[in-house]
Amino acid sequence: MQSWLWLPLALGSAFFAALVAIFGKIGVDKIDSNVATMVRAAIMFVFMLAVVLASGKIGGVADIKGKAMLFIMLAGVAGALSWICYFWALKVGKASQVAPIDRFSAVITLVLAAAFLAEKVSWKTGIGAVIMTVGAILIALG
């Protein structure tokens, strides 16, 4: 994969995550947030199954074993818990406040990656993380 390709993909991720906040806030207006999360997960499963089938990669599921399967399963549980919290937060809060705090996950990821993956944090990255933290708080409180 091209070394520059991460940027447009990450921007696409951010754009679609923003749409999740807007669509999700509208969607949970009159229904239980856990029901909304379950429907979202079902739609995502069907969509991803179609993508994997269309790409001819369905056989790769059988190749996931051992440690990889354990950590993919843990990521699935963490993702489900994240969605539960996110949709519940959207149900009771403003999308413009929930989303920046949710995106604070970037700073948490930075800390966890340094602690558990031995990724190095430069002083520039550290300052950026502080700015992101302050920004998330200011946006959420604004």
Protein backbone atom coordinates (compact mmCIF):
# COMPACT_ATOMS: atom_id res chain seq x y z
CA MET A 1 0.00 0.00 0.00
CA GLN A 2 1.25 3.48 -0.81
CA SER A 3 2.77 5.34 2.14
CA TRP A 4 0.55 8.38 1.50
CA LEU A 5 -2.71 6.46 1.17
CA TRP A 6 -3.35 6.55 4.92
CA LEU A 7 -4.25 10.25 4.80
CA PRO A 8 -7.24 10.20 2.40
CA LEU A 9 -8.45 7.00 4.07
CA ALA A 10 -8.20 8.62 7.51
CA LEU A 11 -10.01 11.71 6.22
CA GLY A 12 -12.71 9.44 4.81
CA SER A 13 -12.96 7.76 8.20
CA ALA A 14 -13.34 11.13 9.91
CA PHE A 15 -16.00 12.25 7.42
CA PHE A 16 -18.05 9.07 7.81
CA ALA A 17 -17.63 9.18 11.59
CA ALA A 18 -19.09 12.69 11.50
CA LEU A 19 -22.05 11.33 9.55
CA VAL A 20 -22.48 8.62 12.21
CA ALA A 21 -22.86 11.38 14.81
CA ILE A 22 -25.44 13.29 12.76
CA PHE A 23 -27.42 10.27 11.53
CA GLY A 24 -27.15 8.58 14.92
CA LYS A 25 -28.43 11.62 16.81
CA ILE A 26 -31.44 11.84 14.50
CA GLY A 27 -31.98 8.08 14.68
CA VAL A 28 -31.98 7.71 18.49
CA ASP A 29 -34.47 10.51 19.01
CA LYS A 30 -37.42 8.29 19.87
CA ILE A 31 -35.90 4.83 20.33
CA ASP A 32 -33.66 3.07 22.85
CA SER A 33 -29.97 3.71 22.20
CA ASN A 34 -29.09 0.01 22.61
CA VAL A 35 -31.68 -0.96 19.99
CA ALA A 36 -30.17 1.65 17.67
CA THR A 37 -26.68 0.24 18.33
CA MET A 38 -27.86 -3.31 17.56
CA VAL A 39 -29.46 -2.21 14.27
CA ARG A 40 -26.28 -0.31 13.35
CA ALA A 41 -24.17 -3.40 14.09
CA ALA A 42 -26.47 -5.60 12.00
CA ILE A 43 -26.28 -3.20 9.05
CA MET A 44 -22.50 -3.04 9.37
CA PHE A 45 -22.27 -6.85 9.46
CA VAL A 46 -24.38 -7.24 6.30
CA PHE A 47 -22.46 -4.45 4.54
CA MET A 48 -19.05 -5.91 5.47
CA LEU A 49 -20.16 -9.43 4.53
CA ALA A 50 -21.09 -8.09 1.09
CA VAL A 51 -17.71 -6.34 0.77
CA VAL A 52 -15.79 -9.48 1.75
CA LEU A 53 -17.89 -11.67 -0.54
CA ALA A 54 -17.52 -9.23 -3.45
CA SER A 55 -13.75 -9.12 -2.97
CA GLY A 56 -13.54 -12.92 -2.89
CA LYS A 57 -11.85 -12.89 0.52
CA ILE A 58 -14.43 -14.89 2.53
CA GLY A 59 -11.96 -17.78 2.80
CA GLY A 60 -9.72 -15.55 4.89
CA VAL A 61 -12.09 -15.90 7.84
CA ALA A 62 -10.94 -19.51 8.33
CA ASP A 63 -7.32 -18.30 8.43
CA ILE A 64 -7.89 -16.26 11.60
CA LYS A 65 -6.60 -18.34 14.48
CA GLY A 66 -5.06 -18.11 17.93
CA LYS A 67 -3.77 -14.76 19.08
CA ALA A 68 -5.12 -12.93 16.02
CA MET A 69 -8.64 -14.28 16.67
CA LEU A 70 -8.44 -13.42 20.36
CA PHE A 71 -7.46 -9.82 19.69
CA ILE A 72 -9.96 -9.38 16.86
CA MET A 73 -12.65 -10.65 19.23
CA LEU A 74 -11.47 -8.28 21.96
CA ALA A 75 -11.54 -5.44 19.42
CA GLY A 76 -15.11 -6.45 18.58
CA VAL A 77 -16.14 -6.32 22.24
CA ALA A 78 -14.37 -2.98 22.71
CA GLY A 79 -16.06 -1.65 19.56
CA ALA A 80 -19.48 -2.79 20.75
CA LEU A 81 -18.93 -1.15 24.15
CA SER A 82 -17.78 2.01 22.38
CA TRP A 83 -20.93 2.05 20.23
CA ILE A 84 -23.16 1.45 23.25
CA CYS A 85 -21.58 4.39 25.06
CA TYR A 86 -21.59 6.54 21.91
CA PHE A 87 -25.25 6.04 21.02
CA TRP A 88 -26.30 6.45 24.66
CA ALA A 89 -24.30 9.68 24.82
CA LEU A 90 -25.97 10.86 21.58
CA LYS A 91 -29.36 10.01 23.06
CA VAL A 92 -28.80 12.21 26.13
CA GLY A 93 -26.36 14.83 24.80
CA LYS A 94 -25.69 17.08 21.85
CA ALA A 95 -23.91 15.58 18.85
CA SER A 96 -21.63 18.63 18.78
CA GLN A 97 -20.50 17.80 22.33
CA VAL A 98 -20.45 14.01 22.12
CA ALA A 99 -18.38 13.77 18.93
CA PRO A 100 -15.33 15.76 20.08
CA ILE A 101 -15.13 13.80 23.31
CA ASP A 102 -15.50 10.57 21.35
CA ARG A 103 -12.67 11.71 19.06
CA PHE A 104 -10.55 12.15 22.18
CA SER A 105 -9.98 8.45 21.56
CA ALA A 106 -7.07 9.59 19.37
CA VAL A 107 -5.24 10.86 22.46
CA ILE A 108 -6.14 7.77 24.46
CA THR A 109 -4.87 5.62 21.57
CA LEU A 110 -1.60 7.55 21.59
CA VAL A 111 -1.11 6.86 25.31
CA LEU A 112 -2.08 3.18 25.00
CA ALA A 113 0.11 2.69 21.92
CA ALA A 114 3.08 4.13 23.81
CA ALA A 115 2.36 1.97 26.87
CA PHE A 116 1.51 -1.35 25.19
CA LEU A 117 2.97 -1.20 21.67
CA ALA A 118 6.17 0.68 22.55
CA GLU A 119 5.37 3.37 19.99
CA LYS A 120 7.50 6.46 20.49
CA VAL A 121 5.87 9.79 21.31
CA SER A 122 7.82 12.83 20.15
CA TRP A 123 7.57 16.17 21.88
CA LYS A 124 5.60 17.46 18.86
CA THR A 125 3.13 14.59 19.19
CA GLY A 126 2.85 15.21 22.93
CA ILE A 127 2.09 18.89 22.38
CA GLY A 128 -0.44 17.94 19.70
CA ALA A 129 -2.12 15.55 22.13
CA VAL A 130 -2.36 18.29 24.75
CA ILE A 131 -3.84 20.68 22.18
CA MET A 132 -6.33 18.00 21.06
CA THR A 133 -7.32 17.39 24.67
CA VAL A 134 -7.86 21.08 25.37
CA GLY A 135 -9.70 21.46 22.06
CA ALA A 136 -12.05 18.55 22.78
CA ILE A 137 -12.86 20.00 26.19
CA LEU A 138 -13.40 23.53 24.84
CA ILE A 139 -15.64 22.29 22.02
CA ALA A 140 -17.64 20.05 24.33
CA LEU A 141 -18.13 22.80 26.91
CA GLY A 142 -18.80 25.49 24.31
